[in-house]
């Protein structure tokens, strides 16, 4: 059906907000207009290794028979959905755009809600618009088969006497640093056993010593030869960085210094050197996270210290400017910009350098 759209071009007097002096009537017949056409889409390989690579897309101009300001949208949708819920990779007046592999991968996962590590098909098209009063023009559809890569990786866990106890509530989180790779710092107990688990529970998936038989395991670990063929830690009791690669089937261990953190200052009892007097040694929770119970003195200041000394490393209030600090603290405004307590009380305080957060909770 022919659709006639009236566009009015209003000429304004220079410098004045006045009424129309001239009105021209323009008729657009979209049945004779030419839609934009998407050029051949590039070869698409989604991989974390080429995440920064650019994918180039281009299209021809829409032709409305008259000169108009046209906006183009490069859209994607899951194949078979007829673009019921499209996502715009690009919107603008240009006839081309460049999209990184990372951007496309994120759009497929988060906007189209498709599963990672699963082969799927997505559709591409270009839509041109000039006005809400004019029908959009749409290119033909092109499709590509892709396998989006995962961008979030759940941790694995360690449970056992070697890492704190055979209790799922004591499971030690080992975060993923990249696909199939997990690493954490923890205290290991000599001659005790443990096992890796894919969840914070006994089942369904765990990884014992024989699981890594086709790879390599640190000499600090051996087969416990118990009913589950757990790992037995045979090194000296202490803190170690454990790195697990489930792709190459390797387990590495490296001795590290104890991850320590102190709180000291009049705000928690006195400006004693960290590691002495009223200073509080925080409990290591996981890498870059500590927790402690402290009694805070209203109106007084304090600070975090990463060693049993005043230097070299400490963390004051401004250090967390890009994160979150509990409302009961403020910048002391002193020479060191320490934390200042707005109120008094006993609380459990958690320091998280991963998230740049300082939080408090009831004990």
Protein backbone atom coordinates (compact mmCIF):
# COMPACT_ATOMS: atom_id res chain seq x y z
CA UNK A 1 0.00 0.00 0.00
CA UNK A 2 1.25 3.41 -0.97
CA UNK A 3 1.98 5.62 2.01
CA UNK A 4 2.24 9.38 1.54
CA UNK A 5 4.05 11.35 4.20
CA UNK A 6 3.88 15.12 4.36
CA UNK A 7 7.02 16.87 5.51
CA UNK A 8 6.87 20.58 6.19
CA UNK A 9 9.99 22.68 5.83
CA UNK A 10 9.67 25.84 7.85
CA UNK A 11 11.70 28.90 6.96
CA UNK A 12 12.46 31.08 9.97
CA UNK A 13 13.38 34.75 9.82
CA UNK A 14 17.05 35.28 10.77
CA UNK A 15 17.43 35.88 14.50
CA UNK A 16 13.66 35.82 15.14
CA UNK A 17 11.28 33.18 16.40
CA UNK A 18 8.49 34.00 14.04
CA UNK A 19 5.70 32.26 12.22
CA UNK A 20 6.22 30.46 8.95
CA UNK A 21 6.75 32.58 5.88
CA UNK A 22 6.95 29.68 3.40
CA UNK A 23 5.73 26.12 3.56
CA UNK A 24 6.80 23.47 1.01
CA UNK A 25 4.93 20.20 0.74
CA UNK A 26 7.15 17.15 0.13
CA UNK A 27 5.76 13.70 -0.51
CA UNK A 28 7.80 10.55 0.28
CA UNK A 29 6.73 7.30 -1.31
CA UNK A 30 8.59 4.57 0.60
CA UNK A 31 7.40 1.92 -1.84
CA UNK A 32 9.81 3.33 -4.42
CA UNK A 33 12.63 4.05 -1.96
CA UNK A 34 15.73 1.81 -1.85
CA UNK A 35 16.75 0.17 1.40
CA UNK A 36 20.39 0.08 2.51
CA UNK A 37 22.26 -3.14 1.77
CA UNK A 38 24.74 -4.70 4.15
CA UNK A 39 28.01 -5.66 2.50
CA UNK A 40 29.43 -9.13 3.04
CA UNK A 41 30.01 -9.49 6.78
CA UNK A 42 33.57 -10.27 7.89
CA UNK A 43 34.76 -13.68 9.00
CA UNK A 44 34.05 -13.87 12.74
CA UNK A 45 36.09 -15.87 15.23
CA UNK A 46 35.32 -15.08 18.84
CA UNK A 47 38.26 -15.73 21.14
CA UNK A 48 39.79 -14.11 24.17
CA UNK A 49 43.10 -14.19 22.28
CA UNK A 50 41.75 -11.86 19.56
CA UNK A 51 39.40 -9.83 21.76
CA UNK A 52 40.85 -6.51 20.56
CA UNK A 53 40.68 -7.34 16.85
CA UNK A 54 38.38 -5.09 14.81
CA UNK A 55 35.51 -6.39 12.68
CA UNK A 56 34.61 -4.03 9.80
CA UNK A 57 31.01 -3.65 8.60
CA UNK A 58 29.72 -1.42 5.79
CA UNK A 59 26.49 -0.84 3.88
CA UNK A 60 25.07 1.15 0.98
CA UNK A 61 23.11 4.36 1.48
CA UNK A 62 19.32 4.28 1.60
CA UNK A 63 17.65 6.19 -1.24
CA UNK A 64 14.46 8.13 -0.43
CA UNK A 65 14.52 10.02 -3.78
CA UNK A 66 15.20 13.27 -1.91
CA UNK A 67 18.04 14.48 0.31
CA UNK A 68 17.29 13.59 3.92
CA UNK A 69 19.22 13.13 7.16
CA UNK A 70 19.34 9.35 7.55
CA UNK A 71 20.30 7.36 10.65
CA UNK A 72 21.55 3.81 10.24
CA UNK A 73 21.44 1.02 12.80
CA UNK A 74 23.57 -2.11 12.50
CA UNK A 75 21.51 -4.71 14.36
CA UNK A 76 22.07 -8.27 15.55
CA UNK A 77 19.63 -10.87 16.83
CA UNK A 78 19.57 -14.57 17.55
CA UNK A 79 18.81 -16.44 14.33
CA UNK A 80 15.22 -17.59 14.07
CA UNK A 81 13.81 -14.76 16.17
CA UNK A 82 13.00 -12.49 13.19
CA UNK A 83 14.68 -9.63 15.08
CA UNK A 84 11.94 -9.61 17.71
CA UNK A 85 14.51 -8.25 20.19
CA UNK A 86 17.38 -6.77 18.16
CA UNK A 87 20.44 -5.10 19.61
CA UNK A 88 22.10 -2.12 17.95
CA UNK A 89 25.83 -2.64 17.48
CA UNK A 90 25.94 0.81 15.85
CA UNK A 91 23.64 3.80 15.44
CA UNK A 92 24.70 6.88 13.46
CA UNK A 93 24.81 8.59 10.09
CA UNK A 94 27.85 6.76 8.71
CA UNK A 95 27.92 3.96 6.15
CA UNK A 96 30.41 1.82 8.05
CA UNK A 97 31.58 0.95 11.52
CA UNK A 98 34.20 -1.13 13.27
CA UNK A 99 33.35 -3.39 16.20
CA UNK A 100 35.87 -5.24 18.36
CA UNK A 101 35.57 -8.97 18.92
CA UNK A 102 35.17 -8.22 22.62
CA UNK A 103 32.24 -5.85 21.99
CA UNK A 104 30.44 -8.35 19.76
CA UNK A 105 31.08 -11.20 22.18
CA UNK A 106 29.70 -9.17 25.11
CA UNK A 107 26.62 -8.19 23.10
CA UNK A 108 25.91 -11.83 22.23
CA UNK A 109 26.21 -12.92 25.86
CA UNK A 110 24.57 -9.98 27.65
CA UNK A 111 22.16 -8.49 25.10
CA UNK A 112 21.06 -11.57 23.18
CA UNK A 113 21.36 -13.75 26.32
CA UNK A 114 23.03 -16.62 24.46
CA UNK A 115 25.19 -19.19 26.23
CA UNK A 116 29.01 -19.02 26.22
CA UNK A 117 31.08 -21.85 24.74
CA UNK A 118 28.06 -22.95 22.69
CA UNK A 119 27.92 -22.72 18.91
CA UNK A 120 25.04 -20.54 17.78
CA UNK A 121 23.84 -18.52 14.80
CA UNK A 122 23.23 -14.77 14.81
CA UNK A 123 21.67 -12.50 12.19
CA UNK A 124 22.90 -9.10 11.01
CA UNK A 125 20.94 -6.36 9.23
CA UNK A 126 20.96 -2.59 8.68
CA UNK A 127 17.92 -0.40 9.30
CA UNK A 128 17.61 3.21 8.06
CA UNK A 129 15.37 5.79 9.74
CA UNK A 130 14.50 9.40 8.92
CA UNK A 131 11.44 10.14 11.06
CA UNK A 132 8.88 8.46 13.27
CA UNK A 133 6.39 9.41 10.56
CA UNK A 134 8.27 7.45 7.88
CA UNK A 135 8.54 3.68 7.68
CA UNK A 136 12.02 2.32 8.31
CA UNK A 137 13.89 0.67 5.45
CA UNK A 138 15.56 -2.64 6.23
CA UNK A 139 18.34 -4.49 4.47
CA UNK A 140 18.33 -8.19 3.76
CA UNK A 141 19.67 -10.41 6.56
CA UNK A 142 23.07 -12.06 6.74
CA UNK A 143 23.91 -14.79 9.24
CA UNK A 144 27.06 -16.06 10.95
CA UNK A 145 27.78 -19.11 13.06
CA UNK A 146 29.77 -18.17 16.16
CA UNK A 147 30.84 -19.59 19.50
CA UNK A 148 30.97 -16.81 22.11
CA UNK A 149 33.66 -17.21 24.71
CA UNK A 150 32.98 -17.03 28.43
CA UNK A 151 33.97 -13.82 30.21
CA UNK A 152 33.10 -14.89 33.74
CA UNK A 153 34.52 -18.00 35.34
CA UNK A 154 33.25 -19.49 38.60
CA UNK A 155 35.90 -20.45 41.15
CA UNK A 156 36.86 -23.91 42.31
CA UNK A 157 37.33 -24.78 45.99
CA UNK A 158 39.74 -26.60 48.27
CA UNK A 159 38.36 -28.65 51.15
CA UNK A 160 40.33 -30.78 53.57
CA UNK A 161 42.42 -30.92 56.73
CA UNK A 162 45.37 -29.45 54.83
CA UNK A 163 43.44 -26.24 54.12
CA UNK A 164 41.36 -25.88 57.29
CA UNK A 165 39.12 -28.88 57.78
CA UNK A 166 36.84 -31.46 56.14
CA UNK A 167 33.82 -29.19 56.33
CA UNK A 168 32.13 -27.56 53.35
CA UNK A 169 31.66 -24.37 55.38
CA UNK A 170 35.48 -24.13 55.44
CA UNK A 171 35.83 -24.45 51.65
CA UNK A 172 38.63 -22.21 50.36
CA UNK A 173 37.76 -20.28 47.20
CA UNK A 174 40.27 -20.50 44.36
CA UNK A 175 39.25 -17.78 41.84
CA UNK A 176 39.73 -18.13 38.11
CA UNK A 177 42.42 -15.89 36.61
CA UNK A 178 41.68 -16.99 33.00
CA UNK A 179 39.78 -19.82 31.31
CA UNK A 180 40.49 -23.14 33.09
CA UNK A 181 43.15 -21.51 35.32
CA UNK A 182 42.62 -20.96 39.05
CA UNK A 183 44.97 -19.46 41.60
CA UNK A 184 44.93 -18.49 45.28
CA UNK A 185 47.17 -17.92 48.28
CA UNK A 186 46.41 -20.04 51.33
CA UNK A 187 47.96 -21.68 54.38
CA UNK A 188 48.66 -25.40 53.94
CA UNK A 189 49.23 -27.84 56.81
CA UNK A 190 52.02 -30.41 56.47
CA UNK A 191 51.07 -34.08 56.05
CA UNK A 192 47.36 -33.34 55.78
CA UNK A 193 45.07 -34.02 52.81
CA UNK A 194 42.65 -31.98 50.68
CA UNK A 195 40.87 -32.06 47.33
CA UNK A 196 39.68 -29.60 44.69
CA UNK A 197 35.92 -29.22 44.14
CA UNK A 198 33.99 -27.51 41.35
CA UNK A 199 31.42 -26.30 43.88
CA UNK A 200 31.30 -25.45 47.56
CA UNK A 201 29.97 -28.90 48.31
CA UNK A 202 30.99 -32.56 48.08
CA UNK A 203 29.28 -33.19 44.77
CA UNK A 204 28.86 -33.46 41.88
CA UNK A 205 32.39 -32.64 40.68
CA UNK A 206 35.79 -32.91 42.33
CA UNK A 207 39.40 -33.27 41.18
CA UNK A 208 41.73 -35.61 43.06
CA UNK A 209 45.40 -36.51 42.56
CA UNK A 210 44.88 -39.08 39.76
CA UNK A 211 42.78 -36.57 37.81
CA UNK A 212 46.04 -34.78 36.95
CA UNK A 213 47.97 -37.93 36.02
CA UNK A 214 48.28 -36.85 32.37
CA UNK A 215 49.80 -33.52 33.43
CA UNK A 216 52.10 -32.61 36.29
CA UNK A 217 51.71 -31.98 40.01
CA UNK A 218 53.99 -30.01 42.34
CA UNK A 219 56.53 -32.06 44.31
CA UNK A 220 54.95 -30.56 47.44
CA UNK A 221 51.93 -32.75 46.80
CA UNK A 222 51.53 -36.49 46.60
CA UNK A 223 48.73 -39.04 46.38
CA UNK A 224 47.28 -39.46 49.88
CA UNK A 225 46.42 -43.07 48.98
CA UNK A 226 43.21 -42.78 50.96
CA UNK A 227 39.76 -43.77 49.80
CA UNK A 228 39.41 -40.73 47.54
CA UNK A 229 43.04 -40.45 46.40
CA UNK A 230 43.18 -36.91 47.76
CA UNK A 231 46.21 -34.65 47.64
CA UNK A 232 48.60 -34.90 50.58
CA UNK A 233 50.62 -31.75 51.28
CA UNK A 234 54.18 -32.76 52.21
CA UNK A 235 55.83 -29.34 52.33
CA UNK A 236 56.50 -27.22 55.40
CA UNK A 237 53.39 -25.72 56.97
CA UNK A 238 52.97 -22.19 55.65
CA UNK A 239 51.47 -19.95 52.99
CA UNK A 240 51.67 -20.95 49.34
CA UNK A 241 50.27 -19.83 46.01
CA UNK A 242 48.53 -22.75 44.36
CA UNK A 243 47.78 -22.58 40.63
CA UNK A 244 45.52 -25.15 39.00
CA UNK A 245 45.14 -25.51 35.23
CA UNK A 246 42.30 -27.86 34.33
CA UNK A 247 43.18 -27.67 30.65
CA UNK A 248 46.83 -28.67 30.90
CA UNK A 249 46.15 -30.75 34.05
CA UNK A 250 48.81 -29.11 36.19
CA UNK A 251 49.00 -28.09 39.84
CA UNK A 252 51.80 -25.72 40.84
CA UNK A 253 52.73 -24.48 44.31
CA UNK A 254 55.03 -21.63 45.34
CA UNK A 255 55.93 -20.55 48.88
CA UNK A 256 54.90 -16.96 49.66
CA UNK A 257 54.99 -14.64 52.64
CA UNK A 258 52.00 -14.58 54.95
CA UNK A 259 49.48 -12.00 53.64
CA UNK A 260 49.15 -9.69 56.63
CA UNK A 261 47.21 -6.53 57.44
CA UNK A 262 47.03 -4.43 60.60
CA UNK A 263 44.79 -1.66 61.88
CA UNK A 264 46.21 0.92 64.25
CA UNK A 265 45.35 4.38 65.54
CA UNK A 266 43.54 6.19 68.31
CA UNK A 267 40.29 5.21 66.59
CA UNK A 268 40.80 1.59 67.71
CA UNK A 269 42.74 2.16 70.94
CA UNK A 270 46.05 3.88 70.24
CA UNK A 271 48.74 4.76 67.72
CA UNK A 272 50.92 1.76 68.53
CA UNK A 273 53.29 0.49 65.84
CA UNK A 274 51.52 -2.11 63.70
CA UNK A 275 52.08 -5.50 65.24
CA UNK A 276 52.35 -4.15 68.79
CA UNK A 277 50.11 -2.82 71.56
CA UNK A 278 46.56 -1.91 70.62
CA UNK A 279 47.08 -2.55 66.92
CA UNK A 280 44.86 -5.29 65.47
CA UNK A 281 46.13 -8.05 63.22
CA UNK A 282 43.35 -8.81 60.74
CA UNK A 283 42.37 -12.35 59.73
CA UNK A 284 43.25 -13.37 56.18
CA UNK A 285 40.04 -14.41 54.37
CA UNK A 286 41.23 -14.81 50.80
CA UNK A 287 43.66 -13.05 48.51
CA UNK A 288 43.52 -9.28 49.20
CA UNK A 289 40.69 -9.67 51.71
CA UNK A 290 40.97 -9.46 55.52
CA UNK A 291 38.50 -9.30 58.40
CA UNK A 292 38.69 -8.27 62.07
CA UNK A 293 36.52 -7.37 65.04
CA UNK A 294 37.37 -3.92 66.39
CA UNK A 295 35.99 -1.51 68.98
CA UNK A 296 35.90 1.96 67.41
CA UNK A 297 36.30 5.23 69.34
CA UNK A 298 34.08 8.06 68.11
CA UNK A 299 35.88 11.06 66.59
CA UNK A 300 39.30 9.34 66.47
CA UNK A 301 41.43 8.22 63.51
CA UNK A 302 43.19 5.05 62.35
CA UNK A 303 44.67 3.39 59.24
CA UNK A 304 45.45 0.01 57.58
CA UNK A 305 49.09 -1.18 57.38
CA UNK A 306 50.37 -4.04 55.22
CA UNK A 307 53.28 -4.92 57.51
CA UNK A 308 54.25 -4.94 61.18
CA UNK A 309 55.74 -1.48 60.79
CA UNK A 310 54.76 2.04 59.70
CA UNK A 311 56.15 1.58 56.20
CA UNK A 312 56.34 0.95 53.33
CA UNK A 313 52.65 0.26 52.65
CA UNK A 314 49.49 1.63 54.21
CA UNK A 315 45.95 2.34 53.04
CA UNK A 316 44.18 5.56 54.02
CA UNK A 317 40.70 6.91 53.30
CA UNK A 318 41.41 8.38 49.80
CA UNK A 319 42.84 5.05 48.64
CA UNK A 320 39.25 3.79 48.40
CA UNK A 321 37.92 6.80 46.46
CA UNK A 322 36.91 4.58 43.52
CA UNK A 323 35.33 1.97 45.76
CA UNK A 324 33.04 1.88 48.80
CA UNK A 325 33.67 2.92 52.41
CA UNK A 326 31.20 2.31 55.22
CA UNK A 327 29.20 5.42 56.12
CA UNK A 328 30.46 5.37 59.72
CA UNK A 329 33.91 6.49 58.48
CA UNK A 330 35.06 9.75 56.94
CA UNK A 331 38.32 11.36 55.86
CA UNK A 332 40.08 12.59 58.99
CA UNK A 333 41.53 15.47 57.00
CA UNK A 334 44.81 15.13 58.87
CA UNK A 335 48.28 14.88 57.38
CA UNK A 336 47.79 11.24 56.41
CA UNK A 337 44.10 11.42 55.45
CA UNK A 338 43.33 8.61 57.88
CA UNK A 339 39.92 7.07 58.56
CA UNK A 340 37.91 8.95 61.20
CA UNK A 341 35.08 7.29 63.12
CA UNK A 342 31.76 9.11 63.11
CA UNK A 343 30.44 6.86 65.86
CA UNK A 344 31.57 4.32 68.43
CA UNK A 345 30.89 0.63 68.77
CA UNK A 346 32.19 -2.87 68.19
CA UNK A 347 31.93 -4.12 64.61
CA UNK A 348 33.30 -6.72 62.23
CA UNK A 349 35.25 -4.80 59.60
CA UNK A 350 36.14 -6.27 56.20
CA UNK A 351 38.88 -4.85 53.99
CA UNK A 352 38.67 -5.91 50.34
CA UNK A 353 41.46 -4.58 48.13
CA UNK A 354 39.99 -6.39 45.13
CA UNK A 355 36.80 -4.34 45.31
CA UNK A 356 38.34 -1.31 47.04
CA UNK A 357 35.82 -1.60 49.83
CA UNK A 358 35.75 -1.16 53.60
CA UNK A 359 32.56 -2.53 55.14
CA UNK A 360 31.28 -3.09 58.69
CA UNK A 361 28.73 -5.45 60.15
CA UNK A 362 27.43 -6.40 63.56
CA UNK A 363 29.68 -8.91 65.35
